[in-house]
Amino acid sequence: MKITFADKNLEKLSTDYNKCRQKMGDKRAKQFITRLNTLRDATTLEDVRNLPGRFHELTGNRKGKWGCDLDHPYRLVFIPYETPIPSNTDGQYVWLEITSVEVIEIVDYH
């Protein structure tokens, strides 16, 4: 799957592990790179639904975004990066047709 970044700093950290580790700490940096690799290796968002990392759609004021676990309580948050976003007649996004995402933040939203 194709990955883009809304935040240039996150994009830089995704390509420089030493800086990533300095900024995030060893545990979060490893999880960040692992989750990005999982997304890159997937063909569609559906491919990651049941993999480690608890990839899931968010609700409430974060509806339309997805998250996955890093180190507790931090999450990697991303959105589908397609125009239009594939959805069914009920307005639900079709994970099987989403082939690119944009990483927007790492955050503790709880």
C-alpha atoms as a PDB file:
ATOM      1  CA  MET A   1       0.000   0.000   0.000  1.00  0.00           C
ATOM      2  CA  LYS A   2       1.175   3.515  -0.697  1.00  0.00           C
ATOM      3  CA  ILE A   3       1.911   5.721   2.341  1.00  0.00           C
ATOM      4  CA  THR A   4       2.134   9.508   2.368  1.00  0.00           C
ATOM      5  CA  PHE A   5       2.684  11.805   5.329  1.00  0.00           C
ATOM      6  CA  ALA A   6       0.783  14.929   6.348  1.00  0.00           C
ATOM      7  CA  ASP A   7       3.618  15.823   8.727  1.00  0.00           C
ATOM      8  CA  LYS A   8       7.075  16.272   7.194  1.00  0.00           C
ATOM      9  CA  ASN A   9       8.733  15.538  10.547  1.00  0.00           C
ATOM     10  CA  LEU A  10       7.059  12.122  10.733  1.00  0.00           C
ATOM     11  CA  GLU A  11       8.125  11.448   7.161  1.00  0.00           C
ATOM     12  CA  LYS A  12      11.747  12.246   8.053  1.00  0.00           C
ATOM     13  CA  LEU A  13      11.563  10.017  11.146  1.00  0.00           C
ATOM     14  CA  SER A  14      10.220   7.170   9.006  1.00  0.00           C
ATOM     15  CA  THR A  15      13.428   7.176   6.953  1.00  0.00           C
ATOM     16  CA  ASP A  16      16.010   7.871   9.678  1.00  0.00           C
ATOM     17  CA  TYR A  17      15.771   5.255  12.427  1.00  0.00           C
ATOM     18  CA  ASN A  18      18.452   6.843  14.608  1.00  0.00           C
ATOM     19  CA  LYS A  19      16.612  10.181  14.696  1.00  0.00           C
ATOM     20  CA  CYS A  20      13.351   8.336  15.190  1.00  0.00           C
ATOM     21  CA  ARG A  21      14.772   6.471  18.190  1.00  0.00           C
ATOM     22  CA  GLN A  22      16.191   9.688  19.660  1.00  0.00           C
ATOM     23  CA  LYS A  23      12.853  11.487  19.293  1.00  0.00           C
ATOM     24  CA  MET A  24      10.459   8.687  20.286  1.00  0.00           C
ATOM     25  CA  GLY A  25      12.498   6.284  22.341  1.00  0.00           C
ATOM     26  CA  ASP A  26      13.478   2.776  21.329  1.00  0.00           C
ATOM     27  CA  LYS A  27      10.149   1.018  21.944  1.00  0.00           C
ATOM     28  CA  ARG A  28       7.921   3.517  20.117  1.00  0.00           C
ATOM     29  CA  ALA A  29      10.403   3.897  17.247  1.00  0.00           C
ATOM     30  CA  LYS A  30      10.436   0.121  16.670  1.00  0.00           C
ATOM     31  CA  GLN A  31       6.633  -0.028  16.726  1.00  0.00           C
ATOM     32  CA  PHE A  32       6.352   2.980  14.402  1.00  0.00           C
ATOM     33  CA  ILE A  33       8.635   1.400  11.789  1.00  0.00           C
ATOM     34  CA  THR A  34       6.940  -1.991  12.206  1.00  0.00           C
ATOM     35  CA  ARG A  35       3.460  -0.508  11.654  1.00  0.00           C
ATOM     36  CA  LEU A  36       4.644   1.440   8.596  1.00  0.00           C
ATOM     37  CA  ASN A  37       6.191  -1.721   7.142  1.00  0.00           C
ATOM     38  CA  THR A  38       2.950  -3.609   7.802  1.00  0.00           C
ATOM     39  CA  LEU A  39       1.010  -0.939   5.901  1.00  0.00           C
ATOM     40  CA  ARG A  40       3.544  -0.893   3.038  1.00  0.00           C
ATOM     41  CA  ASP A  41       3.427  -4.686   2.707  1.00  0.00           C
ATOM     42  CA  ALA A  42      -0.370  -4.735   2.521  1.00  0.00           C
ATOM     43  CA  THR A  43      -2.209  -4.444  -0.768  1.00  0.00           C
ATOM     44  CA  THR A  44      -5.326  -2.969   0.812  1.00  0.00           C
ATOM     45  CA  LEU A  45      -6.345  -1.748   4.241  1.00  0.00           C
ATOM     46  CA  GLU A  46      -8.365  -4.955   4.653  1.00  0.00           C
ATOM     47  CA  ASP A  47      -5.070  -6.902   4.697  1.00  0.00           C
ATOM     48  CA  VAL A  48      -4.066  -5.353   8.043  1.00  0.00           C
ATOM     49  CA  ARG A  49      -7.402  -5.658   9.827  1.00  0.00           C
ATOM     50  CA  ASN A  50      -6.452  -8.786  11.794  1.00  0.00           C
ATOM     51  CA  LEU A  51      -2.685  -8.338  12.025  1.00  0.00           C
ATOM     52  CA  PRO A  52      -0.868  -7.352  15.235  1.00  0.00           C
ATOM     53  CA  GLY A  53      -1.209  -3.676  15.991  1.00  0.00           C
ATOM     54  CA  ARG A  54      -4.986  -3.526  16.325  1.00  0.00           C
ATOM     55  CA  PHE A  55      -5.673  -1.545  13.146  1.00  0.00           C
ATOM     56  CA  HIS A  56      -9.150  -0.071  13.536  1.00  0.00           C
ATOM     57  CA  GLU A  57     -11.504   2.689  12.455  1.00  0.00           C
ATOM     58  CA  LEU A  58     -11.888   5.485  14.956  1.00  0.00           C
ATOM     59  CA  THR A  59     -15.210   6.860  16.164  1.00  0.00           C
ATOM     60  CA  GLY A  60     -16.654  10.041  17.599  1.00  0.00           C
ATOM     61  CA  ASN A  61     -14.767  13.220  16.716  1.00  0.00           C
ATOM     62  CA  ARG A  62     -12.123  11.082  14.970  1.00  0.00           C
ATOM     63  CA  LYS A  63     -14.591   9.339  12.645  1.00  0.00           C
ATOM     64  CA  GLY A  64     -13.084   8.805   9.188  1.00  0.00           C
ATOM     65  CA  LYS A  65      -9.615   8.175  10.623  1.00  0.00           C
ATOM     66  CA  TRP A  66      -7.884   4.924  11.454  1.00  0.00           C
ATOM     67  CA  GLY A  67      -5.516   4.085  14.254  1.00  0.00           C
ATOM     68  CA  CYS A  68      -3.144   1.347  15.298  1.00  0.00           C
ATOM     69  CA  ASP A  69      -1.293   0.694  18.520  1.00  0.00           C
ATOM     70  CA  LEU A  70       2.252   1.811  19.161  1.00  0.00           C
ATOM     71  CA  ASP A  71       3.415   1.769  22.780  1.00  0.00           C
ATOM     72  CA  HIS A  72       0.596   2.400  25.235  1.00  0.00           C
ATOM     73  CA  PRO A  73      -1.087   4.911  25.176  1.00  0.00           C
ATOM     74  CA  TYR A  74       0.215   6.173  21.814  1.00  0.00           C
ATOM     75  CA  ARG A  75      -1.435   5.464  18.468  1.00  0.00           C
ATOM     76  CA  LEU A  76      -0.414   5.958  14.868  1.00  0.00           C
ATOM     77  CA  VAL A  77      -3.303   7.781  13.179  1.00  0.00           C
ATOM     78  CA  PHE A  78      -3.883   7.758   9.426  1.00  0.00           C
ATOM     79  CA  ILE A  79      -6.610   8.409   6.879  1.00  0.00           C
ATOM     80  CA  PRO A  80      -7.493   6.860   3.521  1.00  0.00           C
ATOM     81  CA  TYR A  81      -5.686   8.772   0.807  1.00  0.00           C
ATOM     82  CA  GLU A  82      -7.991   8.195  -2.146  1.00  0.00           C
ATOM     83  CA  THR A  83     -10.373  10.400  -4.078  1.00  0.00           C
ATOM     84  CA  PRO A  84     -13.129   9.487  -3.673  1.00  0.00           C
ATOM     85  CA  ILE A  85     -12.770   7.228  -0.641  1.00  0.00           C
ATOM     86  CA  PRO A  86     -14.411   3.890  -1.542  1.00  0.00           C
ATOM     87  CA  SER A  87     -17.618   3.471   0.437  1.00  0.00           C
ATOM     88  CA  ASN A  88     -20.729   1.316   0.291  1.00  0.00           C
ATOM     89  CA  THR A  89     -24.351   2.455   0.017  1.00  0.00           C
ATOM     90  CA  ASP A  90     -24.512   2.919   3.821  1.00  0.00           C
ATOM     91  CA  GLY A  91     -21.555   5.329   3.721  1.00  0.00           C
ATOM     92  CA  GLN A  92     -19.139   2.875   5.348  1.00  0.00           C
ATOM     93  CA  TYR A  93     -15.619   2.836   3.969  1.00  0.00           C
ATOM     94  CA  VAL A  94     -14.711  -0.311   2.041  1.00  0.00           C
ATOM     95  CA  TRP A  95     -11.387  -1.464   3.516  1.00  0.00           C
ATOM     96  CA  LEU A  96     -10.883  -3.904   0.629  1.00  0.00           C
ATOM     97  CA  GLU A  97     -10.678  -1.037  -1.895  1.00  0.00           C
ATOM     98  CA  ILE A  98      -8.430   1.371   0.032  1.00  0.00           C
ATOM     99  CA  THR A  99      -4.908   1.098  -1.382  1.00  0.00           C
ATOM    100  CA  SER A 100      -3.190   4.206  -0.004  1.00  0.00           C
ATOM    101  CA  VAL A 101      -3.137   6.032   3.320  1.00  0.00           C
ATOM    102  CA  GLU A 102      -1.786   9.266   4.714  1.00  0.00           C
ATOM    103  CA  VAL A 103      -0.158   9.207   8.159  1.00  0.00           C
ATOM    104  CA  ILE A 104      -1.307  12.269  10.064  1.00  0.00           C
ATOM    105  CA  GLU A 105      -0.016  11.926  13.623  1.00  0.00           C
ATOM    106  CA  ILE A 106       1.217   9.934  16.571  1.00  0.00           C
ATOM    107  CA  VAL A 107      -0.938  10.804  19.522  1.00  0.00           C
ATOM    108  CA  ASP A 108      -2.398   9.747  22.861  1.00  0.00           C
ATOM    109  CA  TYR A 109      -6.068  10.511  22.218  1.00  0.00           C
ATOM    110  CA  HIS A 110      -7.441   8.790  25.326  1.00  0.00           C
END
